[in-house]
N, C-alpha and C. Protein backbone atom coordinates (compact mmCIF):
# COMPACT_ATOMS: atom_id res chain seq x y z
N MET A 1 -8.86 8.99 -9.11
CA MET A 1 -9.25 8.80 -7.73
C MET A 1 -8.41 9.74 -6.87
N PRO A 2 -9.02 10.63 -6.13
CA PRO A 2 -8.28 11.55 -5.27
C PRO A 2 -7.92 10.91 -3.94
N GLY A 3 -6.89 11.47 -3.32
CA GLY A 3 -6.50 11.01 -1.99
C GLY A 3 -5.02 11.22 -1.77
N PRO A 4 -4.58 11.14 -0.52
CA PRO A 4 -3.16 11.32 -0.23
C PRO A 4 -2.33 10.15 -0.74
N LEU A 5 -1.08 10.46 -1.13
CA LEU A 5 -0.15 9.42 -1.55
C LEU A 5 0.29 8.59 -0.35
N VAL A 6 0.50 7.32 -0.57
CA VAL A 6 0.99 6.43 0.48
C VAL A 6 2.51 6.36 0.37
N HIS A 7 3.21 6.55 1.48
CA HIS A 7 4.67 6.48 1.48
C HIS A 7 5.12 5.20 2.20
N GLN A 8 6.39 4.93 2.09
CA GLN A 8 6.97 3.71 2.65
C GLN A 8 6.72 3.56 4.15
N GLY A 9 6.65 4.66 4.88
CA GLY A 9 6.47 4.58 6.32
C GLY A 9 5.02 4.67 6.78
N ALA A 10 4.07 4.72 5.84
CA ALA A 10 2.66 4.81 6.22
C ALA A 10 2.22 3.54 6.95
N VAL A 11 1.28 3.69 7.84
CA VAL A 11 0.74 2.54 8.55
C VAL A 11 -0.38 1.94 7.71
N VAL A 12 -0.13 0.73 7.20
CA VAL A 12 -1.08 0.04 6.35
C VAL A 12 -1.32 -1.33 6.98
N ILE A 13 -2.60 -1.67 7.21
CA ILE A 13 -2.92 -2.94 7.86
C ILE A 13 -3.97 -3.72 7.06
N CYS A 14 -3.95 -5.05 7.24
CA CYS A 14 -5.00 -5.86 6.64
C CYS A 14 -6.24 -5.76 7.53
N ALA A 15 -7.35 -6.29 7.08
CA ALA A 15 -8.60 -6.20 7.84
C ALA A 15 -8.53 -6.92 9.17
N HIS A 16 -7.54 -7.80 9.33
CA HIS A 16 -7.38 -8.55 10.58
C HIS A 16 -6.38 -7.89 11.53
N GLY A 17 -5.66 -6.87 11.06
CA GLY A 17 -4.71 -6.17 11.91
C GLY A 17 -3.25 -6.45 11.62
N GLY A 18 -2.95 -7.27 10.60
CA GLY A 18 -1.56 -7.53 10.22
C GLY A 18 -0.97 -6.31 9.53
N GLN A 19 0.33 -6.07 9.70
CA GLN A 19 0.97 -4.88 9.12
C GLN A 19 1.51 -5.18 7.73
N ALA A 20 1.15 -4.32 6.77
CA ALA A 20 1.59 -4.47 5.38
C ALA A 20 2.73 -3.50 5.09
N MET A 21 3.71 -3.98 4.32
CA MET A 21 4.87 -3.16 3.94
C MET A 21 5.14 -3.35 2.45
N PRO A 22 5.49 -2.26 1.75
CA PRO A 22 5.81 -2.40 0.32
C PRO A 22 7.15 -3.11 0.14
N THR A 23 7.25 -3.93 -0.90
CA THR A 23 8.51 -4.63 -1.16
C THR A 23 9.45 -3.80 -2.01
N VAL A 24 8.90 -2.86 -2.81
CA VAL A 24 9.72 -2.04 -3.70
C VAL A 24 9.31 -0.57 -3.57
N PRO A 25 10.01 0.22 -2.74
CA PRO A 25 9.68 1.65 -2.65
C PRO A 25 10.11 2.38 -3.92
N ASN A 26 9.49 3.54 -4.16
CA ASN A 26 9.79 4.37 -5.33
C ASN A 26 10.50 5.64 -4.86
N PRO A 27 11.82 5.71 -4.95
CA PRO A 27 12.56 6.87 -4.44
C PRO A 27 12.45 8.12 -5.31
N ARG A 28 11.84 8.03 -6.49
CA ARG A 28 11.77 9.20 -7.38
C ARG A 28 10.77 10.24 -6.91
N VAL A 29 9.75 9.83 -6.19
CA VAL A 29 8.78 10.78 -5.62
C VAL A 29 8.71 10.51 -4.12
N ARG A 30 8.94 11.57 -3.34
CA ARG A 30 8.93 11.43 -1.88
C ARG A 30 7.84 12.30 -1.27
N VAL A 31 7.29 11.82 -0.18
CA VAL A 31 6.35 12.61 0.61
C VAL A 31 6.81 12.54 2.05
N GLY A 32 6.92 13.69 2.67
CA GLY A 32 7.41 13.73 4.04
C GLY A 32 8.79 13.12 4.18
N GLY A 33 9.61 13.20 3.11
CA GLY A 33 10.96 12.65 3.14
C GLY A 33 11.04 11.14 2.91
N GLN A 34 9.89 10.49 2.69
CA GLN A 34 9.89 9.04 2.50
C GLN A 34 9.44 8.68 1.09
N ALA A 35 9.96 7.57 0.57
CA ALA A 35 9.64 7.11 -0.77
C ALA A 35 8.18 6.71 -0.89
N THR A 36 7.58 7.02 -2.04
CA THR A 36 6.22 6.58 -2.33
C THR A 36 6.28 5.14 -2.85
N VAL A 37 5.13 4.61 -3.28
CA VAL A 37 5.08 3.23 -3.77
C VAL A 37 4.30 3.20 -5.08
N LEU A 38 4.87 2.54 -6.10
CA LEU A 38 4.18 2.37 -7.37
C LEU A 38 3.06 1.36 -7.20
N LEU A 39 1.99 1.53 -7.96
CA LEU A 39 0.82 0.67 -7.86
C LEU A 39 1.16 -0.80 -8.11
N ALA A 40 2.07 -1.08 -9.02
CA ALA A 40 2.39 -2.46 -9.39
C ALA A 40 3.24 -3.20 -8.36
N ALA A 41 3.83 -2.49 -7.41
CA ALA A 41 4.71 -3.13 -6.43
C ALA A 41 3.92 -4.03 -5.47
N PRO A 42 4.38 -5.27 -5.26
CA PRO A 42 3.70 -6.14 -4.29
C PRO A 42 4.00 -5.72 -2.85
N TRP A 43 3.13 -6.10 -1.94
CA TRP A 43 3.28 -5.81 -0.52
C TRP A 43 3.31 -7.12 0.24
N THR A 44 4.02 -7.14 1.36
CA THR A 44 3.99 -8.30 2.25
C THR A 44 3.19 -7.93 3.50
N VAL A 45 2.54 -8.93 4.07
CA VAL A 45 1.75 -8.70 5.29
C VAL A 45 2.35 -9.56 6.39
N ALA A 46 2.67 -8.93 7.51
CA ALA A 46 3.27 -9.64 8.64
C ALA A 46 2.33 -9.61 9.85
N ALA A 47 2.40 -10.64 10.64
CA ALA A 47 1.68 -10.72 11.92
C ALA A 47 0.16 -10.67 11.79
N CYS A 48 -0.37 -11.21 10.70
CA CYS A 48 -1.82 -11.30 10.56
C CYS A 48 -2.31 -12.40 11.50
N PRO A 49 -3.23 -12.08 12.42
CA PRO A 49 -3.68 -13.06 13.40
C PRO A 49 -4.77 -14.01 12.91
N PHE A 50 -5.21 -13.86 11.65
CA PHE A 50 -6.28 -14.72 11.14
C PHE A 50 -5.81 -16.17 11.12
N PRO A 51 -6.54 -17.10 11.73
CA PRO A 51 -6.07 -18.48 11.85
C PRO A 51 -6.03 -19.24 10.53
N PRO A 52 -5.02 -20.11 10.34
CA PRO A 52 -4.88 -20.89 9.11
C PRO A 52 -6.11 -21.76 8.81
N VAL A 53 -6.78 -22.24 9.83
CA VAL A 53 -7.95 -23.10 9.59
C VAL A 53 -9.11 -22.32 8.96
N SER A 54 -9.07 -21.01 9.01
CA SER A 54 -10.11 -20.16 8.43
C SER A 54 -9.69 -19.54 7.10
N GLY A 55 -8.58 -20.00 6.52
CA GLY A 55 -8.12 -19.48 5.24
C GLY A 55 -7.03 -18.45 5.34
N GLY A 56 -6.52 -18.20 6.52
CA GLY A 56 -5.51 -17.16 6.71
C GLY A 56 -4.19 -17.76 7.07
N PRO A 57 -3.25 -16.98 7.44
CA PRO A 57 -3.25 -15.53 7.57
C PRO A 57 -2.98 -14.84 6.24
N CYS A 58 -3.17 -13.51 6.21
CA CYS A 58 -2.83 -12.72 5.03
C CYS A 58 -1.31 -12.74 4.88
N LEU A 59 -0.82 -12.96 3.66
CA LEU A 59 0.62 -13.04 3.42
C LEU A 59 1.13 -11.95 2.49
N THR A 60 0.38 -11.67 1.43
CA THR A 60 0.77 -10.66 0.45
C THR A 60 -0.45 -9.83 0.07
N SER A 61 -0.19 -8.73 -0.64
CA SER A 61 -1.28 -7.89 -1.12
C SER A 61 -0.85 -7.18 -2.38
N VAL A 62 -1.82 -6.84 -3.22
CA VAL A 62 -1.57 -6.09 -4.44
C VAL A 62 -2.63 -4.99 -4.54
N TRP A 63 -2.18 -3.80 -4.94
CA TRP A 63 -3.10 -2.67 -5.13
C TRP A 63 -3.62 -2.71 -6.55
N SER A 64 -4.91 -2.52 -6.73
CA SER A 64 -5.49 -2.55 -8.07
C SER A 64 -6.03 -1.18 -8.51
N VAL A 65 -6.27 -0.27 -7.56
CA VAL A 65 -6.76 1.07 -7.90
C VAL A 65 -5.86 2.08 -7.19
N GLY A 66 -5.32 3.03 -7.97
CA GLY A 66 -4.43 4.04 -7.40
C GLY A 66 -4.62 5.38 -8.09
N SER A 67 -3.53 6.14 -8.18
CA SER A 67 -3.60 7.48 -8.76
C SER A 67 -3.92 7.43 -10.26
N VAL A 68 -4.63 8.45 -10.71
CA VAL A 68 -4.98 8.55 -12.12
C VAL A 68 -4.11 9.60 -12.79
N ARG A 69 -3.92 10.74 -12.13
CA ARG A 69 -3.16 11.84 -12.71
C ARG A 69 -1.69 11.84 -12.32
N VAL A 70 -1.39 11.48 -11.10
CA VAL A 70 0.00 11.52 -10.63
C VAL A 70 0.67 10.20 -10.99
N ARG A 71 1.81 10.32 -11.69
CA ARG A 71 2.56 9.13 -12.10
C ARG A 71 4.04 9.34 -11.84
N SER A 72 4.72 8.24 -11.66
CA SER A 72 6.17 8.26 -11.52
C SER A 72 6.71 7.15 -12.41
N MET A 73 7.67 7.49 -13.23
CA MET A 73 8.24 6.53 -14.19
C MET A 73 7.14 5.91 -15.05
N GLY A 74 6.10 6.73 -15.36
CA GLY A 74 5.01 6.30 -16.21
C GLY A 74 3.99 5.39 -15.54
N GLN A 75 4.10 5.18 -14.23
CA GLN A 75 3.20 4.29 -13.53
C GLN A 75 2.42 5.03 -12.45
N PRO A 76 1.19 4.58 -12.16
CA PRO A 76 0.41 5.21 -11.09
C PRO A 76 0.99 4.89 -9.72
N LEU A 77 0.66 5.73 -8.74
CA LEU A 77 1.13 5.56 -7.37
C LEU A 77 0.00 5.07 -6.47
N VAL A 78 0.36 4.50 -5.33
CA VAL A 78 -0.62 4.03 -4.35
C VAL A 78 -1.20 5.24 -3.62
N LEU A 79 -2.52 5.27 -3.49
CA LEU A 79 -3.22 6.31 -2.76
C LEU A 79 -3.91 5.71 -1.54
N ALA A 80 -4.08 6.54 -0.52
CA ALA A 80 -4.72 6.06 0.71
C ALA A 80 -6.14 5.57 0.45
N GLY A 81 -6.83 6.12 -0.52
CA GLY A 81 -8.19 5.69 -0.83
C GLY A 81 -8.26 4.61 -1.89
N GLY A 82 -7.10 4.06 -2.28
CA GLY A 82 -7.05 3.04 -3.32
C GLY A 82 -7.61 1.70 -2.85
N LEU A 83 -7.53 0.71 -3.72
CA LEU A 83 -8.07 -0.61 -3.42
C LEU A 83 -6.96 -1.64 -3.49
N ALA A 84 -6.82 -2.41 -2.40
CA ALA A 84 -5.83 -3.49 -2.35
C ALA A 84 -6.50 -4.74 -1.80
N THR A 85 -6.08 -5.90 -2.28
CA THR A 85 -6.64 -7.17 -1.84
C THR A 85 -5.52 -8.07 -1.36
N CYS A 86 -5.74 -8.69 -0.19
CA CYS A 86 -4.75 -9.59 0.39
C CYS A 86 -4.94 -11.01 -0.13
N ALA A 87 -3.85 -11.75 -0.19
CA ALA A 87 -3.91 -13.17 -0.54
C ALA A 87 -3.39 -13.95 0.66
N PRO A 88 -3.94 -15.05 1.00
CA PRO A 88 -5.00 -15.77 0.31
C PRO A 88 -6.41 -15.45 0.80
N THR A 89 -6.57 -14.49 1.69
CA THR A 89 -7.87 -14.27 2.33
C THR A 89 -8.85 -13.43 1.53
N GLY A 90 -8.35 -12.53 0.66
CA GLY A 90 -9.23 -11.67 -0.14
C GLY A 90 -9.75 -10.44 0.58
N VAL A 91 -9.23 -10.16 1.79
CA VAL A 91 -9.68 -8.97 2.53
C VAL A 91 -8.91 -7.74 2.05
N PRO A 92 -9.44 -6.54 2.27
CA PRO A 92 -8.76 -5.33 1.84
C PRO A 92 -7.69 -4.86 2.83
N LEU A 93 -6.82 -3.97 2.33
CA LEU A 93 -5.88 -3.25 3.19
C LEU A 93 -6.49 -1.91 3.55
N ALA A 94 -6.08 -1.35 4.68
CA ALA A 94 -6.53 -0.02 5.09
C ALA A 94 -5.31 0.82 5.44
N VAL A 95 -5.28 2.06 4.97
CA VAL A 95 -4.20 2.99 5.28
C VAL A 95 -4.66 3.85 6.45
N THR A 96 -3.87 3.85 7.54
CA THR A 96 -4.26 4.63 8.70
C THR A 96 -3.40 5.88 8.87
N GLY A 97 -2.35 6.04 8.07
CA GLY A 97 -1.51 7.23 8.13
C GLY A 97 -0.79 7.45 6.82
N SER A 98 -0.83 8.68 6.27
CA SER A 98 -0.17 8.99 5.01
C SER A 98 0.14 10.47 4.94
N GLN A 99 0.70 10.94 3.81
CA GLN A 99 1.14 12.32 3.64
C GLN A 99 0.40 13.00 2.52
N PHE A 100 0.38 14.32 2.51
CA PHE A 100 -0.28 15.08 1.47
C PHE A 100 0.69 15.78 0.51
N ARG A 101 1.90 16.09 0.93
CA ARG A 101 2.83 16.84 0.08
C ARG A 101 3.81 15.92 -0.61
N ALA A 102 3.95 16.09 -1.92
CA ALA A 102 4.88 15.29 -2.69
C ALA A 102 6.04 16.14 -3.15
N VAL A 103 7.24 15.56 -3.18
CA VAL A 103 8.43 16.24 -3.66
C VAL A 103 9.12 15.32 -4.65
N ALA A 104 9.27 15.76 -5.89
CA ALA A 104 9.96 14.96 -6.90
C ALA A 104 11.46 15.13 -6.73
N THR A 105 12.19 14.03 -6.83
CA THR A 105 13.65 14.10 -6.70
C THR A 105 14.33 13.69 -7.98
């Protein structure tokens, strides 16, 4: 799957507008000076406005589709065009800002 790598400082939001952040950045590959994120790393979602009576708010997220060719420590990386699902709502995450250049450290 092609697409830009997602870094720790990228703006990632749930479908309701809550902000998602990676819990474990990957310092071995950097883009724009910031750590990338391995596909297996969980994400937390903060400030999701979806009401609890409707099954929300979004609390965590996991990426299930990421890089195919680019790997770090033998694992795929998160891509802006990848697929992530939030729990407990099941809505996707969207990346609104990311980088194109990678630098291995």
